[in-house]
């Protein structure tokens, strides 16, 4: 399968969590969590288009200032997405600095902050350098099916988990690939040309099969129809392949509700990035800290039917036993005999 994004954990398993997703060939990127981002070069930070914050514990949000320092003075709009309180947090961060000279900067940085509530409403506020980062409340809207960002190439969905506080988990889903069979186009007497873009757009929009699509014929005969039904073209010249899916789960208690949410969000993912801070022998400690064990992480990955498991966010108490966490998660992931939850 052709891959259009490349996900990489930005720190080691004992350091601050964060996932950098490079959108290949597009000169843009996504970031999940905003902890210690010092391993990311300025070039990589400047590619960022959206940042998704699970919650605002320090190890998930302390990188805000470093990112701001790198992007300041650039002509750029950056989306910041998170749960309740994010807008106020960004406003407080920006208010901590003095901006009396910012008008002299060449570029205008705009932070567009989206805050998801637990009743599925998204509030948007904008902070523009040209206005000394004064808060501008843009409006609000209902979040359909957890979709925070719906880009032509991908969708990022969010779901709330319990970490003693509301925390978000995310799934990045690449839109399905629409592949045109060139040989079938030509065998049908049609020309491979710009009209195929309108055809693909109609498929992406979910138009009904009876919608007429303007086509171009190789022989330009006037007797040829100027349009063909969308459904006919779909069956003759198109093949759809599933896009890639990545899930990111960190800082979550192993509760029935969290299990349900994680399985729904991560179902069928190509890669699940999930925390594994404790060994299962310390499940009581993990529960008290509202975290998962490695065995629980591997079990969730297996139940969700993911293709690949990547664990991280290990507790420092295991620095001399890193392999034990990875092995326990891997063993649970491969335990096909264990029953899935009903």
Protein backbone atom coordinates (compact mmCIF):
# COMPACT_ATOMS: atom_id res chain seq x y z
CA UNK A 1 0.00 0.00 0.00
CA UNK A 2 1.33 3.45 -0.87
CA UNK A 3 1.88 5.42 2.33
CA UNK A 4 1.23 9.15 2.36
CA UNK A 5 2.25 9.80 5.96
CA UNK A 6 5.16 8.70 8.08
CA UNK A 7 4.61 8.52 11.88
CA UNK A 8 7.56 8.70 14.26
CA UNK A 9 7.71 8.94 18.05
CA UNK A 10 9.84 11.99 18.78
CA UNK A 11 11.35 10.86 22.09
CA UNK A 12 12.53 7.69 23.76
CA UNK A 13 10.04 5.48 25.62
CA UNK A 14 10.89 7.02 29.03
CA UNK A 15 10.67 10.62 27.84
CA UNK A 16 7.76 12.93 27.05
CA UNK A 17 5.23 11.38 24.66
CA UNK A 18 4.78 12.84 21.20
CA UNK A 19 4.12 11.58 17.69
CA UNK A 20 5.27 13.49 14.61
CA UNK A 21 3.49 12.54 11.40
CA UNK A 22 5.13 13.74 8.21
CA UNK A 23 2.70 14.08 5.31
CA UNK A 24 4.97 12.72 2.62
CA UNK A 25 5.48 14.83 -0.52
CA UNK A 26 3.28 17.62 0.92
CA UNK A 27 5.73 19.70 3.01
CA UNK A 28 3.39 19.66 5.98
CA UNK A 29 3.08 17.61 9.15
CA UNK A 30 0.93 16.84 12.20
CA UNK A 31 1.96 16.55 15.85
CA UNK A 32 0.21 14.58 18.57
CA UNK A 33 1.09 15.94 22.03
CA UNK A 34 3.25 18.93 22.81
CA UNK A 35 5.69 17.85 25.50
CA UNK A 36 9.46 18.03 25.02
CA UNK A 37 9.82 18.73 21.30
CA UNK A 38 13.53 19.61 21.38
CA UNK A 39 14.44 16.63 19.13
CA UNK A 40 12.41 18.22 16.32
CA UNK A 41 14.40 20.57 14.10
CA UNK A 42 13.06 24.05 13.23
CA UNK A 43 12.48 22.76 9.69
CA UNK A 44 10.19 20.05 11.01
CA UNK A 45 8.37 22.43 13.35
CA UNK A 46 7.73 24.86 10.52
CA UNK A 47 6.03 22.08 8.54
CA UNK A 48 3.40 21.63 11.24
CA UNK A 49 -0.16 22.39 10.19
CA UNK A 50 -2.05 21.00 13.19
CA UNK A 51 -1.10 20.03 16.74
CA UNK A 52 -3.35 17.74 18.81
CA UNK A 53 -3.02 17.84 22.60
CA UNK A 54 -4.34 14.94 24.69
CA UNK A 55 -4.38 16.97 27.94
CA UNK A 56 -2.33 19.62 29.67
CA UNK A 57 -0.14 17.73 32.12
CA UNK A 58 3.32 19.26 31.78
CA UNK A 59 4.83 16.38 29.82
CA UNK A 60 2.13 16.85 27.16
CA UNK A 61 2.11 20.65 26.83
CA UNK A 62 5.43 22.17 27.94
CA UNK A 63 6.63 22.37 24.32
CA UNK A 64 4.16 25.15 23.51
CA UNK A 65 6.73 27.90 24.19
CA UNK A 66 9.42 26.26 22.06
CA UNK A 67 6.98 25.89 19.17
CA UNK A 68 5.83 29.49 19.54
CA UNK A 69 9.44 30.73 19.53
CA UNK A 70 10.21 28.81 16.34
CA UNK A 71 7.13 29.99 14.43
CA UNK A 72 7.04 33.60 15.62
CA UNK A 73 7.45 36.02 12.72
CA UNK A 74 6.48 33.42 10.12
CA UNK A 75 3.52 33.86 7.80
CA UNK A 76 1.63 30.86 9.08
CA UNK A 77 -1.64 29.59 10.54
CA UNK A 78 -1.35 26.71 12.99
CA UNK A 79 -4.27 24.66 14.29
CA UNK A 80 -4.15 23.66 17.96
CA UNK A 81 -6.72 21.11 19.10
CA UNK A 82 -7.54 19.77 22.54
CA UNK A 83 -10.07 19.37 25.31
CA UNK A 84 -11.73 21.74 27.80
CA UNK A 85 -9.62 24.68 28.91
CA UNK A 86 -7.21 24.73 25.95
CA UNK A 87 -8.28 28.17 24.72
CA UNK A 88 -7.78 29.71 28.17
CA UNK A 89 -4.43 27.94 28.51
CA UNK A 90 -3.14 29.31 25.19
CA UNK A 91 -4.43 32.77 26.07
CA UNK A 92 -2.62 32.64 29.42
CA UNK A 93 0.61 31.50 27.77
CA UNK A 94 0.49 34.35 25.27
CA UNK A 95 -0.45 36.90 27.93
CA UNK A 96 2.75 36.05 29.80
CA UNK A 97 4.79 37.84 27.12
CA UNK A 98 5.04 41.48 26.01
CA UNK A 99 4.18 42.07 22.35
CA UNK A 100 4.76 45.82 21.86
CA UNK A 101 7.29 45.28 19.04
CA UNK A 102 5.57 42.49 17.16
CA UNK A 103 4.23 44.84 14.47
CA UNK A 104 7.76 44.99 13.07
CA UNK A 105 7.84 41.27 12.26
CA UNK A 106 7.70 40.29 8.60
CA UNK A 107 5.23 37.43 8.93
CA UNK A 108 2.00 37.05 10.87
CA UNK A 109 1.58 33.93 13.00
CA UNK A 110 -2.03 32.96 13.68
CA UNK A 111 -2.91 30.30 16.24
CA UNK A 112 -6.35 28.85 15.60
CA UNK A 113 -7.35 26.97 18.73
CA UNK A 114 -10.13 24.38 18.75
CA UNK A 115 -11.48 23.19 22.08
CA UNK A 116 -13.64 20.05 22.17
CA UNK A 117 -16.20 19.72 24.97
CA UNK A 118 -17.56 16.44 26.28
CA UNK A 119 -20.93 17.23 24.72
CA UNK A 120 -19.25 17.24 21.28
CA UNK A 121 -19.14 21.00 20.74
CA UNK A 122 -16.03 22.65 19.31
CA UNK A 123 -15.28 26.25 20.23
CA UNK A 124 -12.79 28.13 18.07
CA UNK A 125 -10.64 31.08 19.09
CA UNK A 126 -7.94 32.81 17.05
CA UNK A 127 -4.80 34.56 18.27
CA UNK A 128 -3.10 36.71 15.62
CA UNK A 129 0.35 38.23 15.98
CA UNK A 130 -0.86 41.22 13.98
CA UNK A 131 -3.25 41.96 16.86
CA UNK A 132 -0.67 41.28 19.58
CA UNK A 133 -2.25 37.85 20.08
CA UNK A 134 -5.47 39.26 21.51
CA UNK A 135 -8.10 36.54 21.71
CA UNK A 136 -10.82 36.55 19.06
CA UNK A 137 -13.71 34.13 19.63
CA UNK A 138 -14.59 32.81 16.20
CA UNK A 139 -17.61 30.64 17.02
CA UNK A 140 -18.64 27.09 17.79
CA UNK A 141 -20.15 24.07 16.06
CA UNK A 142 -21.08 20.48 16.74
CA UNK A 143 -18.35 17.90 16.17
CA UNK A 144 -19.69 15.17 13.89
CA UNK A 145 -18.44 11.67 14.68
CA UNK A 146 -15.48 13.01 16.63
CA UNK A 147 -13.87 14.58 13.55
CA UNK A 148 -11.69 17.51 14.63
CA UNK A 149 -10.02 18.02 11.26
CA UNK A 150 -11.43 16.88 7.91
CA UNK A 151 -8.74 17.49 5.30
CA UNK A 152 -9.09 16.39 1.67
CA UNK A 153 -6.42 13.77 2.37
CA UNK A 154 -7.15 12.69 5.94
CA UNK A 155 -9.43 12.90 8.98
CA UNK A 156 -8.37 13.23 12.60
CA UNK A 157 -10.91 11.96 15.13
CA UNK A 158 -10.86 12.40 18.89
CA UNK A 159 -12.50 10.62 21.81
CA UNK A 160 -12.48 11.34 25.54
CA UNK A 161 -10.80 9.00 28.02
CA UNK A 162 -10.68 9.07 31.80
CA UNK A 163 -7.25 9.89 33.25
CA UNK A 164 -8.62 11.28 36.48
CA UNK A 165 -9.30 14.27 34.24
CA UNK A 166 -10.74 14.27 30.71
CA UNK A 167 -8.00 13.34 28.22
CA UNK A 168 -8.24 12.80 24.49
CA UNK A 169 -7.15 9.90 22.30
CA UNK A 170 -6.79 10.37 18.55
CA UNK A 171 -7.09 8.43 15.32
CA UNK A 172 -5.59 9.64 12.04
CA UNK A 173 -7.35 8.13 9.05
CA UNK A 174 -6.13 8.55 5.52
CA UNK A 175 -8.99 8.92 3.08
CA UNK A 176 -9.57 6.04 0.70
CA UNK A 177 -7.44 6.03 -2.43
CA UNK A 178 -9.37 6.34 -5.67
CA UNK A 179 -7.33 4.61 -8.36
CA UNK A 180 -8.21 5.13 -12.00
CA UNK A 181 -7.59 2.22 -14.37
CA UNK A 182 -6.01 3.97 -17.36
CA UNK A 183 -6.36 0.95 -19.63
CA UNK A 184 -10.06 0.68 -18.85
CA UNK A 185 -10.58 4.38 -19.50
CA UNK A 186 -8.98 4.06 -22.91
CA UNK A 187 -10.75 0.77 -23.67
CA UNK A 188 -14.06 2.54 -23.04
CA UNK A 189 -13.17 5.11 -25.70
CA UNK A 190 -12.57 7.86 -23.15
CA UNK A 191 -9.57 10.17 -22.78
CA UNK A 192 -7.42 10.33 -19.66
CA UNK A 193 -7.75 14.02 -18.86
CA UNK A 194 -8.93 16.79 -16.51
CA UNK A 195 -12.51 15.47 -16.43
CA UNK A 196 -11.29 12.67 -14.16
CA UNK A 197 -10.71 15.21 -11.37
CA UNK A 198 -14.40 16.12 -11.34
CA UNK A 199 -15.22 12.42 -11.32
CA UNK A 200 -12.95 11.76 -8.32
CA UNK A 201 -14.36 14.77 -6.47
CA UNK A 202 -17.90 13.47 -6.97
CA UNK A 203 -16.86 10.10 -5.52
CA UNK A 204 -15.22 11.75 -2.49
CA UNK A 205 -18.35 13.85 -1.87
CA UNK A 206 -20.47 10.69 -1.91
CA UNK A 207 -22.69 11.78 -4.79
CA UNK A 208 -25.41 9.32 -5.82
CA UNK A 209 -24.72 6.95 -8.69
CA UNK A 210 -27.15 8.70 -11.02
CA UNK A 211 -25.28 12.02 -11.04
CA UNK A 212 -24.12 12.86 -14.61
CA UNK A 213 -20.37 13.35 -14.99
CA UNK A 214 -19.03 15.30 -18.02
CA UNK A 215 -16.60 13.09 -19.95
CA UNK A 216 -14.18 13.46 -22.87
CA UNK A 217 -14.15 10.95 -25.73
CA UNK A 218 -11.09 10.01 -27.74
CA UNK A 219 -12.85 10.32 -31.11
CA UNK A 220 -14.81 13.52 -30.29
CA UNK A 221 -17.84 12.07 -32.10
CA UNK A 222 -20.95 14.22 -31.69
CA UNK A 223 -23.03 11.08 -31.30
CA UNK A 224 -21.29 10.28 -28.00
CA UNK A 225 -23.07 11.32 -24.79
CA UNK A 226 -21.57 14.39 -23.10
CA UNK A 227 -22.02 12.81 -19.68
CA UNK A 228 -22.10 9.36 -18.12
CA UNK A 229 -23.70 8.29 -14.81
CA UNK A 230 -21.34 8.33 -11.86
CA UNK A 231 -22.24 4.75 -10.95
CA UNK A 232 -21.36 3.47 -14.41
CA UNK A 233 -17.94 5.13 -14.31
CA UNK A 234 -17.28 3.82 -10.80
CA UNK A 235 -17.92 0.26 -11.90
CA UNK A 236 -15.91 0.55 -15.13
CA UNK A 237 -12.78 2.60 -14.47
CA UNK A 238 -12.24 2.92 -10.71
CA UNK A 239 -10.82 0.90 -7.85
CA UNK A 240 -10.97 2.10 -4.24
CA UNK A 241 -8.32 1.00 -1.73
CA UNK A 242 -8.52 1.63 2.00
CA UNK A 243 -6.41 4.42 3.43
CA UNK A 244 -4.01 3.93 6.31
CA UNK A 245 -5.10 4.43 9.92
CA UNK A 246 -3.02 5.31 12.98
CA UNK A 247 -4.30 5.53 16.57
CA UNK A 248 -2.65 7.37 19.46
CA UNK A 249 -3.64 6.48 23.04
CA UNK A 250 -1.82 7.77 26.10
CA UNK A 251 -2.67 8.42 29.78
CA UNK A 252 -5.81 6.34 30.30
CA UNK A 253 -7.15 4.20 33.13
CA UNK A 254 -8.12 0.61 32.37
CA UNK A 255 -11.84 1.04 32.95
CA UNK A 256 -14.79 -0.51 31.08
CA UNK A 257 -15.69 2.85 29.56
CA UNK A 258 -12.12 3.57 28.44
CA UNK A 259 -11.82 0.08 26.97
CA UNK A 260 -14.96 0.66 24.93
CA UNK A 261 -13.74 4.03 23.66
CA UNK A 262 -10.24 2.81 22.80
CA UNK A 263 -11.50 -0.22 20.89
CA UNK A 264 -13.95 1.90 18.88
CA UNK A 265 -11.29 4.49 18.05
CA UNK A 266 -8.44 2.10 17.23
CA UNK A 267 -10.45 -0.64 15.49
CA UNK A 268 -8.53 -1.98 12.48
CA UNK A 269 -5.68 0.54 12.77
CA UNK A 270 -2.50 -0.19 10.86
CA UNK A 271 -0.47 1.07 13.84
CA UNK A 272 -1.55 1.68 17.43
CA UNK A 273 0.74 3.90 19.48
CA UNK A 274 -0.25 3.24 23.08
CA UNK A 275 1.23 3.88 26.51
CA UNK A 276 2.58 1.01 28.63
CA UNK A 277 3.94 2.64 31.80
CA UNK A 278 3.77 -0.32 34.24
CA UNK A 279 4.19 -4.07 34.30
CA UNK A 280 1.00 -5.96 35.06
CA UNK A 281 2.43 -7.05 38.41
CA UNK A 282 1.89 -3.42 39.42
CA UNK A 283 -1.65 -3.13 38.05
CA UNK A 284 -2.83 -1.60 41.32
CA UNK A 285 -0.25 1.17 41.02
CA UNK A 286 -1.24 1.72 37.39
CA UNK A 287 -4.90 1.98 38.38
CA UNK A 288 -4.10 4.46 41.14
CA UNK A 289 -2.21 6.59 38.61
CA UNK A 290 -4.95 6.19 35.97
CA UNK A 291 -2.56 4.50 33.56
CA UNK A 292 -2.40 1.22 31.63
CA UNK A 293 -0.08 -1.71 32.18
CA UNK A 294 1.92 -3.19 29.32
CA UNK A 295 -0.28 -6.30 29.31
CA UNK A 296 -3.42 -4.17 29.17
CA UNK A 297 -1.97 -2.17 26.27
CA UNK A 298 -1.14 -5.32 24.30
CA UNK A 299 -4.54 -6.81 25.07
CA UNK A 300 -6.34 -3.69 23.83
CA UNK A 301 -4.28 -3.76 20.64
CA UNK A 302 -5.26 -7.38 20.01
CA UNK A 303 -8.93 -6.77 20.77
CA UNK A 304 -8.94 -3.78 18.41
CA UNK A 305 -7.50 -5.91 15.61
CA UNK A 306 -4.61 -3.57 14.86
CA UNK A 307 -1.81 -4.67 12.58
CA UNK A 308 1.13 -3.24 14.52
CA UNK A 309 1.67 -2.29 18.18
CA UNK A 310 4.06 0.45 19.35
CA UNK A 311 4.34 1.03 23.09
CA UNK A 312 5.89 4.08 24.77
CA UNK A 313 5.50 6.42 27.79
CA UNK A 314 7.21 3.97 30.15
CA UNK A 315 7.52 4.77 33.87
CA UNK A 316 11.09 5.79 34.87
CA UNK A 317 11.00 3.07 37.55
CA UNK A 318 11.64 0.56 34.73
CA UNK A 319 14.72 2.17 33.20
CA UNK A 320 16.73 -0.97 33.88
CA UNK A 321 13.89 -3.21 32.63
CA UNK A 322 12.74 -1.55 29.42
CA UNK A 323 12.58 -4.82 27.51
CA UNK A 324 10.23 -6.31 30.14
CA UNK A 325 7.54 -3.75 29.31
CA UNK A 326 7.88 -4.27 25.57
CA UNK A 327 7.87 -8.06 25.92
CA UNK A 328 4.82 -8.13 28.19
CA UNK A 329 2.85 -5.96 25.76
CA UNK A 330 3.99 -8.05 22.80
CA UNK A 331 3.01 -11.31 24.52
CA UNK A 332 -0.50 -10.01 25.25
CA UNK A 333 -0.83 -8.71 21.69
CA UNK A 334 0.02 -12.12 20.22
CA UNK A 335 -2.11 -14.16 22.65
CA UNK A 336 -4.78 -15.17 20.15
CA UNK A 337 -6.39 -17.63 22.53
CA UNK A 338 -7.54 -14.97 24.99
CA UNK A 339 -11.17 -13.97 24.52
CA UNK A 340 -12.15 -10.48 23.38
CA UNK A 341 -14.63 -8.46 25.46
CA UNK A 342 -18.27 -9.01 24.68
